[in-house]
Every structure is written in structure tokens, then in C-alpha cells.
Amino acid sequence: QVQLVESGGGSVQPGGSLGLSCSASGRIFDIRDMGWFRQAPGKQRELVAWISSGGRTNYVDFAKGRFTILRDNAKNTVYLQMYSLKPEDTAVYYCYQDIVGAIGETTGHYWGQGTQVTVSS
């Protein structure tokens, strides 16, 4: 069974940096897009950034210039490096990976369990 496990996150002061990672395991044939969403308390989940299988990156406006998305295809892992963090970046961050399953495995859009990022002085 395909699973995504996130790590990283935590608490940081405004202006600080944090890194998140998200690794997939299971019978995986290929991975297409990978990305990150976030959900702040009382708000809808929103897209942060995504990266194609070819390495093309895309960011929403609030992430441009402050966040960097990377992927390591050999490790089935996507990363989100966050810099110059602001209190409004406080949210639960969720990764996703669009996975093509190997024989006997389901192809689909998989989510990580979520990890809390808190930016506060």
C-alpha cells in the first residue's frame, strides 16, 4: 500500500526558516506531480507549490521568493524549504504525490498526514 510520510515542521520565530519533507513508500512505478498545500485554522486548504516530474516548479504568489520546492526522484521525496517565515504562514502543511502504482497497486493522488508549522514570537 502506498503511503506518504511527512517530517519536519515545528515552531519558529518570524523571519526564521523551516524545512519539510515527504517520502512515499510502496509499490510505485512512477511519480508525476508532487506538491504542497496548507490549511490554517478556520480557512480552506490552499495550494503552496508543486513540481512536475521533469522538475518544473510552480509557486502561488505568497510562496514566491520565500519557499523552494525540490524533489528527489530516487528517494520518492518532495521537499519544501521555507524562508523569511511570517505568522500568517502558520498552518498544517500537507504534501501530495500523483503516483502511478506498480502492478497490484492503486494509481492516484496520495496525501501526507500533515505537519504543523507555527510562526510566532
C-alpha atoms as a PDB file:
ATOM      1  CA  GLN A   1       0.000   0.000   0.000  1.00  0.00           C
ATOM      2  CA  VAL A   2       1.342   3.417  -0.946  1.00  0.00           C
ATOM      3  CA  GLN A   3       1.955   5.728   1.985  1.00  0.00           C
ATOM      4  CA  LEU A   4       3.289   9.259   2.269  1.00  0.00           C
ATOM      5  CA  VAL A   5       5.097  10.231   5.439  1.00  0.00           C
ATOM      6  CA  GLU A   6       5.894  13.847   6.221  1.00  0.00           C
ATOM      7  CA  SER A   7       8.593  15.134   8.509  1.00  0.00           C
ATOM      8  CA  GLY A   8       9.919  18.487   9.593  1.00  0.00           C
ATOM      9  CA  GLY A   9       7.855  21.439  10.661  1.00  0.00           C
ATOM     10  CA  GLY A  10       7.673  22.796  14.159  1.00  0.00           C
ATOM     11  CA  SER A  11       7.835  26.249  15.693  1.00  0.00           C
ATOM     12  CA  VAL A  12       9.951  29.161  14.555  1.00  0.00           C
ATOM     13  CA  GLN A  13      10.143  32.891  15.110  1.00  0.00           C
ATOM     14  CA  PRO A  14       9.148  35.334  12.377  1.00  0.00           C
ATOM     15  CA  GLY A  15      11.914  35.629   9.834  1.00  0.00           C
ATOM     16  CA  GLY A  16      13.110  32.113  10.519  1.00  0.00           C
ATOM     17  CA  SER A  17      13.355  29.072   8.262  1.00  0.00           C
ATOM     18  CA  LEU A  18      11.967  25.553   8.270  1.00  0.00           C
ATOM     19  CA  GLY A  19      12.169  22.548   6.005  1.00  0.00           C
ATOM     20  CA  LEU A  20       9.576  19.884   5.315  1.00  0.00           C
ATOM     21  CA  SER A  21       9.963  16.553   3.584  1.00  0.00           C
ATOM     22  CA  CYS A  22       7.512  13.961   2.301  1.00  0.00           C
ATOM     23  CA  SER A  23       8.535  10.454   1.284  1.00  0.00           C
ATOM     24  CA  ALA A  24       6.454   7.859  -0.495  1.00  0.00           C
ATOM     25  CA  SER A  25       6.738   4.134   0.001  1.00  0.00           C
ATOM     26  CA  GLY A  26       5.002   1.139  -1.537  1.00  0.00           C
ATOM     27  CA  ARG A  27       4.854  -0.457  -4.956  1.00  0.00           C
ATOM     28  CA  ILE A  28       5.489   2.631  -7.044  1.00  0.00           C
ATOM     29  CA  PHE A  29       6.071   2.615 -10.786  1.00  0.00           C
ATOM     30  CA  ASP A  30       6.316   6.340 -11.357  1.00  0.00           C
ATOM     31  CA  ILE A  31       5.523   9.661  -9.717  1.00  0.00           C
ATOM     32  CA  ARG A  32       4.203  12.593 -11.639  1.00  0.00           C
ATOM     33  CA  ASP A  33       3.496  15.884  -9.897  1.00  0.00           C
ATOM     34  CA  MET A  34       4.436  16.426  -6.272  1.00  0.00           C
ATOM     35  CA  GLY A  35       3.391  19.379  -4.194  1.00  0.00           C
ATOM     36  CA  TRP A  36       2.323  21.047  -1.012  1.00  0.00           C
ATOM     37  CA  PHE A  37      -0.907  22.522   0.324  1.00  0.00           C
ATOM     38  CA  ARG A  38      -1.538  24.174   3.641  1.00  0.00           C
ATOM     39  CA  GLN A  39      -4.527  24.792   5.858  1.00  0.00           C
ATOM     40  CA  ALA A  40      -4.676  27.490   8.502  1.00  0.00           C
ATOM     41  CA  PRO A  41      -7.223  27.369  11.333  1.00  0.00           C
ATOM     42  CA  GLY A  42     -10.662  28.329  10.088  1.00  0.00           C
ATOM     43  CA  LYS A  43      -9.529  28.518   6.465  1.00  0.00           C
ATOM     44  CA  GLN A  44      -9.733  26.308   3.427  1.00  0.00           C
ATOM     45  CA  ARG A  45      -6.809  24.247   2.278  1.00  0.00           C
ATOM     46  CA  GLU A  46      -4.727  26.218  -0.226  1.00  0.00           C
ATOM     47  CA  LEU A  47      -2.044  25.323  -2.718  1.00  0.00           C
ATOM     48  CA  VAL A  48       1.516  26.359  -1.918  1.00  0.00           C
ATOM     49  CA  ALA A  49       3.740  24.938  -4.659  1.00  0.00           C
ATOM     50  CA  TRP A  50       4.140  21.974  -6.961  1.00  0.00           C
ATOM     51  CA  ILE A  51       6.845  20.389  -9.061  1.00  0.00           C
ATOM     52  CA  SER A  52       6.465  18.291 -12.183  1.00  0.00           C
ATOM     53  CA  SER A  53       8.211  15.027 -12.912  1.00  0.00           C
ATOM     54  CA  GLY A  54      10.589  16.986 -15.099  1.00  0.00           C
ATOM     55  CA  GLY A  55      11.463  19.382 -12.314  1.00  0.00           C
ATOM     56  CA  ARG A  56       9.414  22.375 -13.378  1.00  0.00           C
ATOM     57  CA  THR A  57       8.372  24.329 -10.311  1.00  0.00           C
ATOM     58  CA  ASN A  58       5.308  26.456  -9.690  1.00  0.00           C
ATOM     59  CA  TYR A  59       4.503  28.697  -6.748  1.00  0.00           C
ATOM     60  CA  VAL A  60       1.496  30.635  -5.642  1.00  0.00           C
ATOM     61  CA  ASP A  61       2.082  34.306  -5.022  1.00  0.00           C
ATOM     62  CA  PHE A  62       2.687  34.185  -1.269  1.00  0.00           C
ATOM     63  CA  ALA A  63       5.331  31.487  -1.728  1.00  0.00           C
ATOM     64  CA  LYS A  64       7.320  33.147  -4.489  1.00  0.00           C
ATOM     65  CA  GLY A  65      10.761  34.233  -3.353  1.00  0.00           C
ATOM     66  CA  ARG A  66      10.377  32.682   0.105  1.00  0.00           C
ATOM     67  CA  PHE A  67       9.669  28.994  -0.460  1.00  0.00           C
ATOM     68  CA  THR A  68      11.572  26.453  -2.538  1.00  0.00           C
ATOM     69  CA  ILE A  69      10.178  23.107  -3.655  1.00  0.00           C
ATOM     70  CA  LEU A  70      12.546  20.296  -4.593  1.00  0.00           C
ATOM     71  CA  ARG A  71      12.237  16.627  -5.406  1.00  0.00           C
ATOM     72  CA  ASP A  72      14.491  13.612  -5.237  1.00  0.00           C
ATOM     73  CA  ASN A  73      13.091  11.013  -7.590  1.00  0.00           C
ATOM     74  CA  ALA A  74      15.460   8.308  -6.370  1.00  0.00           C
ATOM     75  CA  LYS A  75      14.014   8.697  -2.880  1.00  0.00           C
ATOM     76  CA  ASN A  76      10.385   9.377  -3.903  1.00  0.00           C
ATOM     77  CA  THR A  77      10.662  12.514  -1.804  1.00  0.00           C
ATOM     78  CA  VAL A  78       9.498  16.087  -2.133  1.00  0.00           C
ATOM     79  CA  TYR A  79      10.851  18.909  -0.013  1.00  0.00           C
ATOM     80  CA  LEU A  80       9.649  22.364   0.898  1.00  0.00           C
ATOM     81  CA  GLN A  81      12.212  24.825   2.161  1.00  0.00           C
ATOM     82  CA  MET A  82      10.621  27.888   3.743  1.00  0.00           C
ATOM     83  CA  TYR A  83      12.460  31.129   4.472  1.00  0.00           C
ATOM     84  CA  SER A  84      11.506  34.514   5.897  1.00  0.00           C
ATOM     85  CA  LEU A  85       8.536  32.924   7.590  1.00  0.00           C
ATOM     86  CA  LYS A  86       5.654  35.096   8.741  1.00  0.00           C
ATOM     87  CA  PRO A  87       2.940  34.500  11.354  1.00  0.00           C
ATOM     88  CA  GLU A  88       0.432  34.114   8.522  1.00  0.00           C
ATOM     89  CA  ASP A  89       2.381  31.075   7.308  1.00  0.00           C
ATOM     90  CA  THR A  90       1.156  29.239  10.398  1.00  0.00           C
ATOM     91  CA  ALA A  91      -0.794  26.220   9.170  1.00  0.00           C
ATOM     92  CA  VAL A  92      -0.825  22.477   8.800  1.00  0.00           C
ATOM     93  CA  TYR A  93       1.147  21.633   5.683  1.00  0.00           C
ATOM     94  CA  TYR A  94       0.133  18.662   3.553  1.00  0.00           C
ATOM     95  CA  CYS A  95       2.145  17.082   0.794  1.00  0.00           C
ATOM     96  CA  TYR A  96       0.744  15.174  -2.149  1.00  0.00           C
ATOM     97  CA  GLN A  97       2.168  12.959  -4.824  1.00  0.00           C
ATOM     98  CA  ASP A  98       0.481  11.767  -8.020  1.00  0.00           C
ATOM     99  CA  ILE A  99       1.623   8.166  -8.069  1.00  0.00           C
ATOM    100  CA  VAL A 100       1.426   5.561 -10.783  1.00  0.00           C
ATOM    101  CA  GLY A 101       1.251   2.297  -8.920  1.00  0.00           C
ATOM    102  CA  ALA A 102       3.126  -0.817  -9.890  1.00  0.00           C
ATOM    103  CA  ILE A 103       1.153  -3.961 -10.686  1.00  0.00           C
ATOM    104  CA  GLY A 104      -1.382  -4.535  -7.931  1.00  0.00           C
ATOM    105  CA  GLU A 105      -1.098  -1.008  -6.562  1.00  0.00           C
ATOM    106  CA  THR A 106      -3.593   1.802  -6.970  1.00  0.00           C
ATOM    107  CA  THR A 107      -2.691   4.765  -9.138  1.00  0.00           C
ATOM    108  CA  GLY A 108      -3.847   8.036  -7.716  1.00  0.00           C
ATOM    109  CA  HIS A 109      -3.392  11.213  -5.764  1.00  0.00           C
ATOM    110  CA  TYR A 110      -1.921  10.475  -2.337  1.00  0.00           C
ATOM    111  CA  TRP A 111      -1.682  12.762   0.667  1.00  0.00           C
ATOM    112  CA  GLY A 112       0.686  13.016   3.584  1.00  0.00           C
ATOM    113  CA  GLN A 113      -0.581  13.088   7.148  1.00  0.00           C
ATOM    114  CA  GLY A 114       0.068  16.799   7.621  1.00  0.00           C
ATOM    115  CA  THR A 115       2.648  18.572   9.745  1.00  0.00           C
ATOM    116  CA  GLN A 116       2.193  21.689  11.864  1.00  0.00           C
ATOM    117  CA  VAL A 117       4.184  24.832  11.158  1.00  0.00           C
ATOM    118  CA  THR A 118       3.861  27.614  13.728  1.00  0.00           C
ATOM    119  CA  VAL A 119       5.435  31.020  13.252  1.00  0.00           C
ATOM    120  CA  SER A 120       5.279  33.099  16.388  1.00  0.00           C
ATOM    121  CA  SER A 121       7.403  35.348  18.548  1.00  0.00           C
END
